[in-house]
Amino acid sequence: YQLSNFSQEQDINLTKAVLVCKKAQEEI
């Protein structure tokens, strides 16, 4: 949520970080 909503920038590293979080949630 923090990475997605507070970032005004489209950055590939932030996008990848969000994907890591989503993958961890899916595994749980």
mmCIF file of all heavy atoms, coordinates in Angstrom:
data_MODEL
# 
_entry.id   MODEL 
# 
loop_
_atom_site.group_PDB 
_atom_site.id 
_atom_site.type_symbol 
_atom_site.label_atom_id 
_atom_site.label_alt_id 
_atom_site.label_comp_id 
_atom_site.label_asym_id 
_atom_site.label_entity_id 
_atom_site.label_seq_id 
_atom_site.pdbx_PDB_ins_code 
_atom_site.Cartn_x 
_atom_site.Cartn_y 
_atom_site.Cartn_z 
_atom_site.occupancy 
_atom_site.B_iso_or_equiv 
_atom_site.pdbx_formal_charge 
_atom_site.auth_seq_id 
_atom_site.auth_comp_id 
_atom_site.auth_asym_id 
_atom_site.auth_atom_id 
_atom_site.pdbx_PDB_model_num 
ATOM 1   N N   . TYR A 1 1  ? 0.833  -1.200  0.000   1.00 0.00 ? 1  TYR A N   1 
ATOM 2   C CA  . TYR A 1 1  ? 0.000  0.000   0.000   1.00 0.00 ? 1  TYR A CA  1 
ATOM 3   C C   . TYR A 1 1  ? 0.871  1.254   0.000   1.00 0.00 ? 1  TYR A C   1 
ATOM 4   O O   . TYR A 1 1  ? 0.641  2.186   -0.766  1.00 0.00 ? 1  TYR A O   1 
ATOM 5   C CB  . TYR A 1 1  ? -0.926 -0.014  1.220   1.00 0.00 ? 1  TYR A CB  1 
ATOM 6   C CG  . TYR A 1 1  ? -1.788 1.217   1.335   1.00 0.00 ? 1  TYR A CG  1 
ATOM 7   C CD1 . TYR A 1 1  ? -2.945 1.333   0.578   1.00 0.00 ? 1  TYR A CD1 1 
ATOM 8   C CD2 . TYR A 1 1  ? -1.434 2.261   2.179   1.00 0.00 ? 1  TYR A CD2 1 
ATOM 9   C CE1 . TYR A 1 1  ? -3.738 2.466   0.672   1.00 0.00 ? 1  TYR A CE1 1 
ATOM 10  C CE2 . TYR A 1 1  ? -2.210 3.392   2.278   1.00 0.00 ? 1  TYR A CE2 1 
ATOM 11  C CZ  . TYR A 1 1  ? -3.365 3.494   1.519   1.00 0.00 ? 1  TYR A CZ  1 
ATOM 12  O OH  . TYR A 1 1  ? -4.131 4.622   1.609   1.00 0.00 ? 1  TYR A OH  1 
ATOM 13  N N   . GLN A 1 2  ? 1.881  1.256   0.850   1.00 0.00 ? 2  GLN A N   1 
ATOM 14  C CA  . GLN A 1 2  ? 2.767  2.411   0.939   1.00 0.00 ? 2  GLN A CA  1 
ATOM 15  C C   . GLN A 1 2  ? 3.485  2.648   -0.389  1.00 0.00 ? 2  GLN A C   1 
ATOM 16  O O   . GLN A 1 2  ? 3.568  3.779   -0.865  1.00 0.00 ? 2  GLN A O   1 
ATOM 17  C CB  . GLN A 1 2  ? 3.787  2.191   2.056   1.00 0.00 ? 2  GLN A CB  1 
ATOM 18  C CG  . GLN A 1 2  ? 4.692  3.365   2.295   1.00 0.00 ? 2  GLN A CG  1 
ATOM 19  C CD  . GLN A 1 2  ? 5.647  3.121   3.450   1.00 0.00 ? 2  GLN A CD  1 
ATOM 20  O OE1 . GLN A 1 2  ? 5.941  1.982   3.791   1.00 0.00 ? 2  GLN A OE1 1 
ATOM 21  N NE2 . GLN A 1 2  ? 6.142  4.182   4.034   1.00 0.00 ? 2  GLN A NE2 1 
ATOM 22  N N   . LEU A 1 3  ? 3.988  1.592   -0.984  1.00 0.00 ? 3  LEU A N   1 
ATOM 23  C CA  . LEU A 1 3  ? 4.708  1.728   -2.257  1.00 0.00 ? 3  LEU A CA  1 
ATOM 24  C C   . LEU A 1 3  ? 3.778  2.185   -3.382  1.00 0.00 ? 3  LEU A C   1 
ATOM 25  O O   . LEU A 1 3  ? 4.151  3.005   -4.208  1.00 0.00 ? 3  LEU A O   1 
ATOM 26  C CB  . LEU A 1 3  ? 5.355  0.400   -2.639  1.00 0.00 ? 3  LEU A CB  1 
ATOM 27  C CG  . LEU A 1 3  ? 6.522  -0.054  -1.769  1.00 0.00 ? 3  LEU A CG  1 
ATOM 28  C CD1 . LEU A 1 3  ? 6.892  -1.490  -2.112  1.00 0.00 ? 3  LEU A CD1 1 
ATOM 29  C CD2 . LEU A 1 3  ? 7.712  0.864   -1.937  1.00 0.00 ? 3  LEU A CD2 1 
ATOM 30  N N   . SER A 1 4  ? 2.572  1.659   -3.390  1.00 0.00 ? 4  SER A N   1 
ATOM 31  C CA  . SER A 1 4  ? 1.640  1.955   -4.474  1.00 0.00 ? 4  SER A CA  1 
ATOM 32  C C   . SER A 1 4  ? 1.008  3.333   -4.366  1.00 0.00 ? 4  SER A C   1 
ATOM 33  O O   . SER A 1 4  ? 0.859  4.039   -5.361  1.00 0.00 ? 4  SER A O   1 
ATOM 34  C CB  . SER A 1 4  ? 0.517  0.916   -4.511  1.00 0.00 ? 4  SER A CB  1 
ATOM 35  O OG  . SER A 1 4  ? 1.040  -0.353  -4.715  1.00 0.00 ? 4  SER A OG  1 
ATOM 36  N N   . ASN A 1 5  ? 0.611  3.727   -3.170  1.00 0.00 ? 5  ASN A N   1 
ATOM 37  C CA  . ASN A 1 5  ? -0.195 4.928   -3.011  1.00 0.00 ? 5  ASN A CA  1 
ATOM 38  C C   . ASN A 1 5  ? 0.572  6.194   -2.677  1.00 0.00 ? 5  ASN A C   1 
ATOM 39  O O   . ASN A 1 5  ? 0.087  7.278   -2.947  1.00 0.00 ? 5  ASN A O   1 
ATOM 40  C CB  . ASN A 1 5  ? -1.271 4.690   -1.957  1.00 0.00 ? 5  ASN A CB  1 
ATOM 41  C CG  . ASN A 1 5  ? -2.252 3.651   -2.418  1.00 0.00 ? 5  ASN A CG  1 
ATOM 42  O OD1 . ASN A 1 5  ? -2.542 3.549   -3.599  1.00 0.00 ? 5  ASN A OD1 1 
ATOM 43  N ND2 . ASN A 1 5  ? -2.739 2.852   -1.505  1.00 0.00 ? 5  ASN A ND2 1 
ATOM 44  N N   . PHE A 1 6  ? 1.738  6.071   -2.081  1.00 0.00 ? 6  PHE A N   1 
ATOM 45  C CA  . PHE A 1 6  ? 2.459  7.271   -1.690  1.00 0.00 ? 6  PHE A CA  1 
ATOM 46  C C   . PHE A 1 6  ? 3.506  7.693   -2.713  1.00 0.00 ? 6  PHE A C   1 
ATOM 47  O O   . PHE A 1 6  ? 4.073  8.755   -2.615  1.00 0.00 ? 6  PHE A O   1 
ATOM 48  C CB  . PHE A 1 6  ? 3.102  7.093   -0.316  1.00 0.00 ? 6  PHE A CB  1 
ATOM 49  C CG  . PHE A 1 6  ? 2.082  6.958   0.761   1.00 0.00 ? 6  PHE A CG  1 
ATOM 50  C CD1 . PHE A 1 6  ? 1.954  5.786   1.470   1.00 0.00 ? 6  PHE A CD1 1 
ATOM 51  C CD2 . PHE A 1 6  ? 1.221  8.001   1.062   1.00 0.00 ? 6  PHE A CD2 1 
ATOM 52  C CE1 . PHE A 1 6  ? 1.000  5.647   2.457   1.00 0.00 ? 6  PHE A CE1 1 
ATOM 53  C CE2 . PHE A 1 6  ? 0.265  7.876   2.048   1.00 0.00 ? 6  PHE A CE2 1 
ATOM 54  C CZ  . PHE A 1 6  ? 0.149  6.697   2.749   1.00 0.00 ? 6  PHE A CZ  1 
ATOM 55  N N   . SER A 1 7  ? 3.747  6.840   -3.683  1.00 0.00 ? 7  SER A N   1 
ATOM 56  C CA  . SER A 1 7  ? 4.733  7.176   -4.706  1.00 0.00 ? 7  SER A CA  1 
ATOM 57  C C   . SER A 1 7  ? 4.048  7.914   -5.843  1.00 0.00 ? 7  SER A C   1 
ATOM 58  O O   . SER A 1 7  ? 3.083  7.439   -6.417  1.00 0.00 ? 7  SER A O   1 
ATOM 59  C CB  . SER A 1 7  ? 5.394  5.912   -5.250  1.00 0.00 ? 7  SER A CB  1 
ATOM 60  O OG  . SER A 1 7  ? 6.212  6.250   -6.330  1.00 0.00 ? 7  SER A OG  1 
ATOM 61  N N   . GLN A 1 8  ? 4.570  9.080   -6.165  1.00 0.00 ? 8  GLN A N   1 
ATOM 62  C CA  . GLN A 1 8  ? 4.057  9.837   -7.310  1.00 0.00 ? 8  GLN A CA  1 
ATOM 63  C C   . GLN A 1 8  ? 4.810  9.461   -8.584  1.00 0.00 ? 8  GLN A C   1 
ATOM 64  O O   . GLN A 1 8  ? 4.459  9.877   -9.667  1.00 0.00 ? 8  GLN A O   1 
ATOM 65  C CB  . GLN A 1 8  ? 4.207  11.342  -7.054  1.00 0.00 ? 8  GLN A CB  1 
ATOM 66  C CG  . GLN A 1 8  ? 3.494  11.821  -5.803  1.00 0.00 ? 8  GLN A CG  1 
ATOM 67  C CD  . GLN A 1 8  ? 2.011  11.575  -5.862  1.00 0.00 ? 8  GLN A CD  1 
ATOM 68  O OE1 . GLN A 1 8  ? 1.393  11.745  -6.898  1.00 0.00 ? 8  GLN A OE1 1 
ATOM 69  N NE2 . GLN A 1 8  ? 1.434  11.164  -4.746  1.00 0.00 ? 8  GLN A NE2 1 
ATOM 70  N N   . GLU A 1 9  ? 5.835  8.668   -8.419  1.00 0.00 ? 9  GLU A N   1 
ATOM 71  C CA  . GLU A 1 9  ? 6.708  8.339   -9.528  1.00 0.00 ? 9  GLU A CA  1 
ATOM 72  C C   . GLU A 1 9  ? 6.457  6.916   -9.991  1.00 0.00 ? 9  GLU A C   1 
ATOM 73  O O   . GLU A 1 9  ? 6.164  6.043   -9.206  1.00 0.00 ? 9  GLU A O   1 
ATOM 74  C CB  . GLU A 1 9  ? 8.170  8.466   -9.090  1.00 0.00 ? 9  GLU A CB  1 
ATOM 75  C CG  . GLU A 1 9  ? 8.486  9.795   -8.464  1.00 0.00 ? 9  GLU A CG  1 
ATOM 76  C CD  . GLU A 1 9  ? 9.795  9.754   -7.700  1.00 0.00 ? 9  GLU A CD  1 
ATOM 77  O OE1 . GLU A 1 9  ? 10.617 8.883   -7.958  1.00 0.00 ? 9  GLU A OE1 1 
ATOM 78  O OE2 . GLU A 1 9  ? 9.964  10.609  -6.840  1.00 0.00 ? 9  GLU A OE2 1 
ATOM 79  N N   . GLN A 1 10 ? 6.589  6.704   -11.293 1.00 0.00 ? 10 GLN A N   1 
ATOM 80  C CA  . GLN A 1 10 ? 6.559  5.361   -11.832 1.00 0.00 ? 10 GLN A CA  1 
ATOM 81  C C   . GLN A 1 10 ? 7.999  4.909   -11.951 1.00 0.00 ? 10 GLN A C   1 
ATOM 82  O O   . GLN A 1 10 ? 8.732  5.373   -12.811 1.00 0.00 ? 10 GLN A O   1 
ATOM 83  C CB  . GLN A 1 10 ? 5.847  5.338   -13.198 1.00 0.00 ? 10 GLN A CB  1 
ATOM 84  C CG  . GLN A 1 10 ? 4.369  5.571   -13.118 1.00 0.00 ? 10 GLN A CG  1 
ATOM 85  C CD  . GLN A 1 10 ? 3.675  4.459   -12.348 1.00 0.00 ? 10 GLN A CD  1 
ATOM 86  O OE1 . GLN A 1 10 ? 4.051  3.306   -12.413 1.00 0.00 ? 10 GLN A OE1 1 
ATOM 87  N NE2 . GLN A 1 10 ? 2.651  4.826   -11.583 1.00 0.00 ? 10 GLN A NE2 1 
ATOM 88  N N   . ASP A 1 11 ? 8.411  4.055   -11.088 1.00 0.00 ? 11 ASP A N   1 
ATOM 89  C CA  . ASP A 1 11 ? 9.786  3.592   -11.053 1.00 0.00 ? 11 ASP A CA  1 
ATOM 90  C C   . ASP A 1 11 ? 9.786  2.077   -11.123 1.00 0.00 ? 11 ASP A C   1 
ATOM 91  O O   . ASP A 1 11 ? 9.016  1.423   -10.408 1.00 0.00 ? 11 ASP A O   1 
ATOM 92  C CB  . ASP A 1 11 ? 10.469 4.076   -9.772  1.00 0.00 ? 11 ASP A CB  1 
ATOM 93  C CG  . ASP A 1 11 ? 11.934 3.723   -9.742  1.00 0.00 ? 11 ASP A CG  1 
ATOM 94  O OD1 . ASP A 1 11 ? 12.267 2.613   -9.281  1.00 0.00 ? 11 ASP A OD1 1 
ATOM 95  O OD2 . ASP A 1 11 ? 12.736 4.558   -10.176 1.00 0.00 ? 11 ASP A OD2 1 
ATOM 96  N N   . ILE A 1 12 ? 10.642 1.508   -11.968 1.00 0.00 ? 12 ILE A N   1 
ATOM 97  C CA  . ILE A 1 12 ? 10.668 0.055   -12.159 1.00 0.00 ? 12 ILE A CA  1 
ATOM 98  C C   . ILE A 1 12 ? 11.018 -0.659  -10.862 1.00 0.00 ? 12 ILE A C   1 
ATOM 99  O O   . ILE A 1 12 ? 10.476 -1.725  -10.569 1.00 0.00 ? 12 ILE A O   1 
ATOM 100 C CB  . ILE A 1 12 ? 11.624 -0.342  -13.305 1.00 0.00 ? 12 ILE A CB  1 
ATOM 101 C CG1 . ILE A 1 12 ? 11.491 -1.826  -13.646 1.00 0.00 ? 12 ILE A CG1 1 
ATOM 102 C CG2 . ILE A 1 12 ? 13.060 -0.004  -12.968 1.00 0.00 ? 12 ILE A CG2 1 
ATOM 103 C CD1 . ILE A 1 12 ? 10.195 -2.191  -14.285 1.00 0.00 ? 12 ILE A CD1 1 
ATOM 104 N N   . ASN A 1 13 ? 11.889 -0.078  -10.038 1.00 0.00 ? 13 ASN A N   1 
ATOM 105 C CA  . ASN A 1 13 ? 12.264 -0.728  -8.780  1.00 0.00 ? 13 ASN A CA  1 
ATOM 106 C C   . ASN A 1 13 ? 11.101 -0.764  -7.795  1.00 0.00 ? 13 ASN A C   1 
ATOM 107 O O   . ASN A 1 13 ? 10.919 -1.748  -7.079  1.00 0.00 ? 13 ASN A O   1 
ATOM 108 C CB  . ASN A 1 13 ? 13.476 -0.032  -8.159  1.00 0.00 ? 13 ASN A CB  1 
ATOM 109 C CG  . ASN A 1 13 ? 14.728 -0.279  -8.966  1.00 0.00 ? 13 ASN A CG  1 
ATOM 110 O OD1 . ASN A 1 13 ? 15.070 -1.416  -9.247  1.00 0.00 ? 13 ASN A OD1 1 
ATOM 111 N ND2 . ASN A 1 13 ? 15.395 0.780   -9.359  1.00 0.00 ? 13 ASN A ND2 1 
ATOM 112 N N   . LEU A 1 14 ? 10.306 0.303   -7.762  1.00 0.00 ? 14 LEU A N   1 
ATOM 113 C CA  . LEU A 1 14 ? 9.136  0.305   -6.872  1.00 0.00 ? 14 LEU A CA  1 
ATOM 114 C C   . LEU A 1 14 ? 8.096  -0.689  -7.371  1.00 0.00 ? 14 LEU A C   1 
ATOM 115 O O   . LEU A 1 14 ? 7.447  -1.367  -6.576  1.00 0.00 ? 14 LEU A O   1 
ATOM 116 C CB  . LEU A 1 14 ? 8.542  1.704   -6.774  1.00 0.00 ? 14 LEU A CB  1 
ATOM 117 C CG  . LEU A 1 14 ? 9.413  2.752   -6.093  1.00 0.00 ? 14 LEU A CG  1 
ATOM 118 C CD1 . LEU A 1 14 ? 8.678  4.080   -6.015  1.00 0.00 ? 14 LEU A CD1 1 
ATOM 119 C CD2 . LEU A 1 14 ? 9.830  2.304   -4.707  1.00 0.00 ? 14 LEU A CD2 1 
ATOM 120 N N   . THR A 1 15 ? 7.943  -0.789  -8.686  1.00 0.00 ? 15 THR A N   1 
ATOM 121 C CA  . THR A 1 15 ? 7.001  -1.754  -9.253  1.00 0.00 ? 15 THR A CA  1 
ATOM 122 C C   . THR A 1 15 ? 7.418  -3.171  -8.896  1.00 0.00 ? 15 THR A C   1 
ATOM 123 O O   . THR A 1 15 ? 6.593  -3.995  -8.493  1.00 0.00 ? 15 THR A O   1 
ATOM 124 C CB  . THR A 1 15 ? 6.936  -1.594  -10.785 1.00 0.00 ? 15 THR A CB  1 
ATOM 125 O OG1 . THR A 1 15 ? 6.558  -0.251  -11.088 1.00 0.00 ? 15 THR A OG1 1 
ATOM 126 C CG2 . THR A 1 15 ? 5.930  -2.549  -11.397 1.00 0.00 ? 15 THR A CG2 1 
ATOM 127 N N   . LYS A 1 16 ? 8.709  -3.454  -8.988  1.00 0.00 ? 16 LYS A N   1 
ATOM 128 C CA  . LYS A 1 16 ? 9.215  -4.785  -8.625  1.00 0.00 ? 16 LYS A CA  1 
ATOM 129 C C   . LYS A 1 16 ? 9.037  -5.043  -7.135  1.00 0.00 ? 16 LYS A C   1 
ATOM 130 O O   . LYS A 1 16 ? 8.714  -6.165  -6.730  1.00 0.00 ? 16 LYS A O   1 
ATOM 131 C CB  . LYS A 1 16 ? 10.686 -4.916  -9.009  1.00 0.00 ? 16 LYS A CB  1 
ATOM 132 C CG  . LYS A 1 16 ? 10.910 -5.021  -10.508 1.00 0.00 ? 16 LYS A CG  1 
ATOM 133 C CD  . LYS A 1 16 ? 12.394 -5.105  -10.818 1.00 0.00 ? 16 LYS A CD  1 
ATOM 134 C CE  . LYS A 1 16 ? 12.662 -5.186  -12.298 1.00 0.00 ? 16 LYS A CE  1 
ATOM 135 N NZ  . LYS A 1 16 ? 14.118 -5.224  -12.589 1.00 0.00 ? 16 LYS A NZ  1 
ATOM 136 N N   . ALA A 1 17 ? 9.238  -4.029  -6.314  1.00 0.00 ? 17 ALA A N   1 
ATOM 137 C CA  . ALA A 1 17 ? 9.055  -4.177  -4.871  1.00 0.00 ? 17 ALA A CA  1 
ATOM 138 C C   . ALA A 1 17 ? 7.606  -4.518  -4.541  1.00 0.00 ? 17 ALA A C   1 
ATOM 139 O O   . ALA A 1 17 ? 7.329  -5.363  -3.683  1.00 0.00 ? 17 ALA A O   1 
ATOM 140 C CB  . ALA A 1 17 ? 9.498  -2.911  -4.141  1.00 0.00 ? 17 ALA A CB  1 
ATOM 141 N N   . VAL A 1 18 ? 6.671  -3.873  -5.231  1.00 0.00 ? 18 VAL A N   1 
ATOM 142 C CA  . VAL A 1 18 ? 5.243  -4.171  -5.030  1.00 0.00 ? 18 VAL A CA  1 
ATOM 143 C C   . VAL A 1 18 ? 4.964  -5.623  -5.420  1.00 0.00 ? 18 VAL A C   1 
ATOM 144 O O   . VAL A 1 18 ? 4.233  -6.338  -4.719  1.00 0.00 ? 18 VAL A O   1 
ATOM 145 C CB  . VAL A 1 18 ? 4.351  -3.203  -5.847  1.00 0.00 ? 18 VAL A CB  1 
ATOM 146 C CG1 . VAL A 1 18 ? 2.916  -3.676  -5.886  1.00 0.00 ? 18 VAL A CG1 1 
ATOM 147 C CG2 . VAL A 1 18 ? 4.431  -1.803  -5.268  1.00 0.00 ? 18 VAL A CG2 1 
ATOM 148 N N   . LEU A 1 19 ? 5.566  -6.087  -6.512  1.00 0.00 ? 19 LEU A N   1 
ATOM 149 C CA  . LEU A 1 19 ? 5.358  -7.469  -6.951  1.00 0.00 ? 19 LEU A CA  1 
ATOM 150 C C   . LEU A 1 19 ? 5.902  -8.470  -5.924  1.00 0.00 ? 19 LEU A C   1 
ATOM 151 O O   . LEU A 1 19 ? 5.304  -9.519  -5.705  1.00 0.00 ? 19 LEU A O   1 
ATOM 152 C CB  . LEU A 1 19 ? 6.000  -7.698  -8.320  1.00 0.00 ? 19 LEU A CB  1 
ATOM 153 C CG  . LEU A 1 19 ? 5.343  -6.947  -9.480  1.00 0.00 ? 19 LEU A CG  1 
ATOM 154 C CD1 . LEU A 1 19 ? 6.132  -7.161  -10.768 1.00 0.00 ? 19 LEU A CD1 1 
ATOM 155 C CD2 . LEU A 1 19 ? 3.901  -7.394  -9.663  1.00 0.00 ? 19 LEU A CD2 1 
ATOM 156 N N   . VAL A 1 20 ? 7.033  -8.158  -5.294  1.00 0.00 ? 20 VAL A N   1 
ATOM 157 C CA  . VAL A 1 20 ? 7.577  -9.023  -4.249  1.00 0.00 ? 20 VAL A CA  1 
ATOM 158 C C   . VAL A 1 20 ? 6.575  -9.131  -3.102  1.00 0.00 ? 20 VAL A C   1 
ATOM 159 O O   . VAL A 1 20 ? 6.321  -10.228 -2.585  1.00 0.00 ? 20 VAL A O   1 
ATOM 160 C CB  . VAL A 1 20 ? 8.943  -8.484  -3.738  1.00 0.00 ? 20 VAL A CB  1 
ATOM 161 C CG1 . VAL A 1 20 ? 9.375  -9.199  -2.472  1.00 0.00 ? 20 VAL A CG1 1 
ATOM 162 C CG2 . VAL A 1 20 ? 10.006 -8.605  -4.814  1.00 0.00 ? 20 VAL A CG2 1 
ATOM 163 N N   . CYS A 1 21 ? 5.990  -7.998  -2.705  1.00 0.00 ? 21 CYS A N   1 
ATOM 164 C CA  . CYS A 1 21 ? 4.995  -8.001  -1.619  1.00 0.00 ? 21 CYS A CA  1 
ATOM 165 C C   . CYS A 1 21 ? 3.766  -8.818  -1.989  1.00 0.00 ? 21 CYS A C   1 
ATOM 166 O O   . CYS A 1 21 ? 3.252  -9.589  -1.180  1.00 0.00 ? 21 CYS A O   1 
ATOM 167 C CB  . CYS A 1 21 ? 4.591  -6.577  -1.270  1.00 0.00 ? 21 CYS A CB  1 
ATOM 168 S SG  . CYS A 1 21 ? 5.909  -5.628  -0.511  1.00 0.00 ? 21 CYS A SG  1 
ATOM 169 N N   . LYS A 1 22 ? 3.291  -8.648  -3.228  1.00 0.00 ? 22 LYS A N   1 
ATOM 170 C CA  . LYS A 1 22 ? 2.115  -9.402  -3.675  1.00 0.00 ? 22 LYS A CA  1 
ATOM 171 C C   . LYS A 1 22 ? 2.404  -10.898 -3.691  1.00 0.00 ? 22 LYS A C   1 
ATOM 172 O O   . LYS A 1 22 ? 1.567  -11.703 -3.284  1.00 0.00 ? 22 LYS A O   1 
ATOM 173 C CB  . LYS A 1 22 ? 1.680  -8.932  -5.060  1.00 0.00 ? 22 LYS A CB  1 
ATOM 174 C CG  . LYS A 1 22 ? 0.995  -7.590  -5.052  1.00 0.00 ? 22 LYS A CG  1 
ATOM 175 C CD  . LYS A 1 22 ? 0.518  -7.211  -6.431  1.00 0.00 ? 22 LYS A CD  1 
ATOM 176 C CE  . LYS A 1 22 ? -0.180 -5.868  -6.384  1.00 0.00 ? 22 LYS A CE  1 
ATOM 177 N NZ  . LYS A 1 22 ? -0.711 -5.461  -7.680  1.00 0.00 ? 22 LYS A NZ  1 
ATOM 178 N N   . LYS A 1 23 ? 3.586  -11.265 -4.186  1.00 0.00 ? 23 LYS A N   1 
ATOM 179 C CA  . LYS A 1 23 ? 3.950  -12.686 -4.239  1.00 0.00 ? 23 LYS A CA  1 
ATOM 180 C C   . LYS A 1 23 ? 4.014  -13.278 -2.834  1.00 0.00 ? 23 LYS A C   1 
ATOM 181 O O   . LYS A 1 23 ? 3.541  -14.395 -2.607  1.00 0.00 ? 23 LYS A O   1 
ATOM 182 C CB  . LYS A 1 23 ? 5.267  -12.869 -4.964  1.00 0.00 ? 23 LYS A CB  1 
ATOM 183 C CG  . LYS A 1 23 ? 5.671  -14.316 -5.142  1.00 0.00 ? 23 LYS A CG  1 
ATOM 184 C CD  . LYS A 1 23 ? 6.777  -14.453 -6.144  1.00 0.00 ? 23 LYS A CD  1 
ATOM 185 C CE  . LYS A 1 23 ? 7.279  -15.872 -6.273  1.00 0.00 ? 23 LYS A CE  1 
ATOM 186 N NZ  . LYS A 1 23 ? 6.301  -16.856 -6.603  1.00 0.00 ? 23 LYS A NZ  1 
ATOM 187 N N   . ALA A 1 24 ? 4.569  -12.548 -1.889  1.00 0.00 ? 24 ALA A N   1 
ATOM 188 C CA  . ALA A 1 24 ? 4.645  -13.037 -0.506  1.00 0.00 ? 24 ALA A CA  1 
ATOM 189 C C   . ALA A 1 24 ? 3.236  -13.233 0.061   1.00 0.00 ? 24 ALA A C   1 
ATOM 190 O O   . ALA A 1 24 ? 2.963  -14.241 0.723   1.00 0.00 ? 24 ALA A O   1 
ATOM 191 C CB  . ALA A 1 24 ? 5.445  -12.062 0.355   1.00 0.00 ? 24 ALA A CB  1 
ATOM 192 N N   . GLN A 1 25 ? 2.335  -12.287 -0.218  1.00 0.00 ? 25 GLN A N   1 
ATOM 193 C CA  . GLN A 1 25 ? 0.954  -12.413 0.264   1.00 0.00 ? 25 GLN A CA  1 
ATOM 194 C C   . GLN A 1 25 ? 0.273  -13.635 -0.352  1.00 0.00 ? 25 GLN A C   1 
ATOM 195 O O   . GLN A 1 25 ? -0.450 -14.362 0.334   1.00 0.00 ? 25 GLN A O   1 
ATOM 196 C CB  . GLN A 1 25 ? 0.156  -11.160 -0.082  1.00 0.00 ? 25 GLN A CB  1 
ATOM 197 C CG  . GLN A 1 25 ? 0.583  -9.929  0.691   1.00 0.00 ? 25 GLN A CG  1 
ATOM 198 C CD  . GLN A 1 25 ? -0.157 -8.708  0.203   1.00 0.00 ? 25 GLN A CD  1 
ATOM 199 O OE1 . GLN A 1 25 ? -1.369 -8.628  0.341   1.00 0.00 ? 25 GLN A OE1 1 
ATOM 200 N NE2 . GLN A 1 25 ? 0.566  -7.759  -0.365  1.00 0.00 ? 25 GLN A NE2 1 
ATOM 201 N N   . GLU A 1 26 ? 0.491  -13.860 -1.654  1.00 0.00 ? 26 GLU A N   1 
ATOM 202 C CA  . GLU A 1 26 ? -0.103 -15.015 -2.330  1.00 0.00 ? 26 GLU A CA  1 
ATOM 203 C C   . GLU A 1 26 ? 0.401  -16.325 -1.729  1.00 0.00 ? 26 GLU A C   1 
ATOM 204 O O   . GLU A 1 26 ? -0.376 -17.260 -1.530  1.00 0.00 ? 26 GLU A O   1 
ATOM 205 C CB  . GLU A 1 26 ? 0.209  -14.973 -3.827  1.00 0.00 ? 26 GLU A CB  1 
ATOM 206 C CG  . GLU A 1 26 ? -0.523 -13.883 -4.570  1.00 0.00 ? 26 GLU A CG  1 
ATOM 207 C CD  . GLU A 1 26 ? -0.024 -13.717 -6.006  1.00 0.00 ? 26 GLU A CD  1 
ATOM 208 O OE1 . GLU A 1 26 ? 0.829  -14.513 -6.450  1.00 0.00 ? 26 GLU A OE1 1 
ATOM 209 O OE2 . GLU A 1 26 ? -0.492 -12.780 -6.676  1.00 0.00 ? 26 GLU A OE2 1 
ATOM 210 N N   . GLU A 1 27 ? 1.688  -16.382 -1.444  1.00 0.00 ? 27 GLU A N   1 
ATOM 211 C CA  . GLU A 1 27 ? 2.242  -17.596 -0.844  1.00 0.00 ? 27 GLU A CA  1 
ATOM 212 C C   . GLU A 1 27 ? 1.640  -17.857 0.535   1.00 0.00 ? 27 GLU A C   1 
ATOM 213 O O   . GLU A 1 27 ? 1.377  -19.004 0.889   1.00 0.00 ? 27 GLU A O   1 
ATOM 214 C CB  . GLU A 1 27 ? 3.760  -17.495 -0.736  1.00 0.00 ? 27 GLU A CB  1 
ATOM 215 C CG  . GLU A 1 27 ? 4.472  -17.671 -2.058  1.00 0.00 ? 27 GLU A CG  1 
ATOM 216 C CD  . GLU A 1 27 ? 5.981  -17.689 -1.900  1.00 0.00 ? 27 GLU A CD  1 
ATOM 217 O OE1 . GLU A 1 27 ? 6.468  -18.180 -0.860  1.00 0.00 ? 27 GLU A OE1 1 
ATOM 218 O OE2 . GLU A 1 27 ? 6.655  -17.218 -2.813  1.00 0.00 ? 27 GLU A OE2 1 
ATOM 219 N N   . ILE A 1 28 ? 1.442  -16.800 1.304   1.00 0.00 ? 28 ILE A N   1 
ATOM 220 C CA  . ILE A 1 28 ? 0.836  -16.959 2.628   1.00 0.00 ? 28 ILE A CA  1 
ATOM 221 C C   . ILE A 1 28 ? -0.581 -17.501 2.495   1.00 0.00 ? 28 ILE A C   1 
ATOM 222 O O   . ILE A 1 28 ? -0.993 -18.398 3.224   1.00 0.00 ? 28 ILE A O   1 
ATOM 223 C CB  . ILE A 1 28 ? 0.860  -15.619 3.400   1.00 0.00 ? 28 ILE A CB  1 
ATOM 224 C CG1 . ILE A 1 28 ? 2.311  -15.252 3.753   1.00 0.00 ? 28 ILE A CG1 1 
ATOM 225 C CG2 . ILE A 1 28 ? 0.005  -15.693 4.655   1.00 0.00 ? 28 ILE A CG2 1 
ATOM 226 C CD1 . ILE A 1 28 ? 2.486  -13.839 4.280   1.00 0.00 ? 28 ILE A CD1 1 
# 
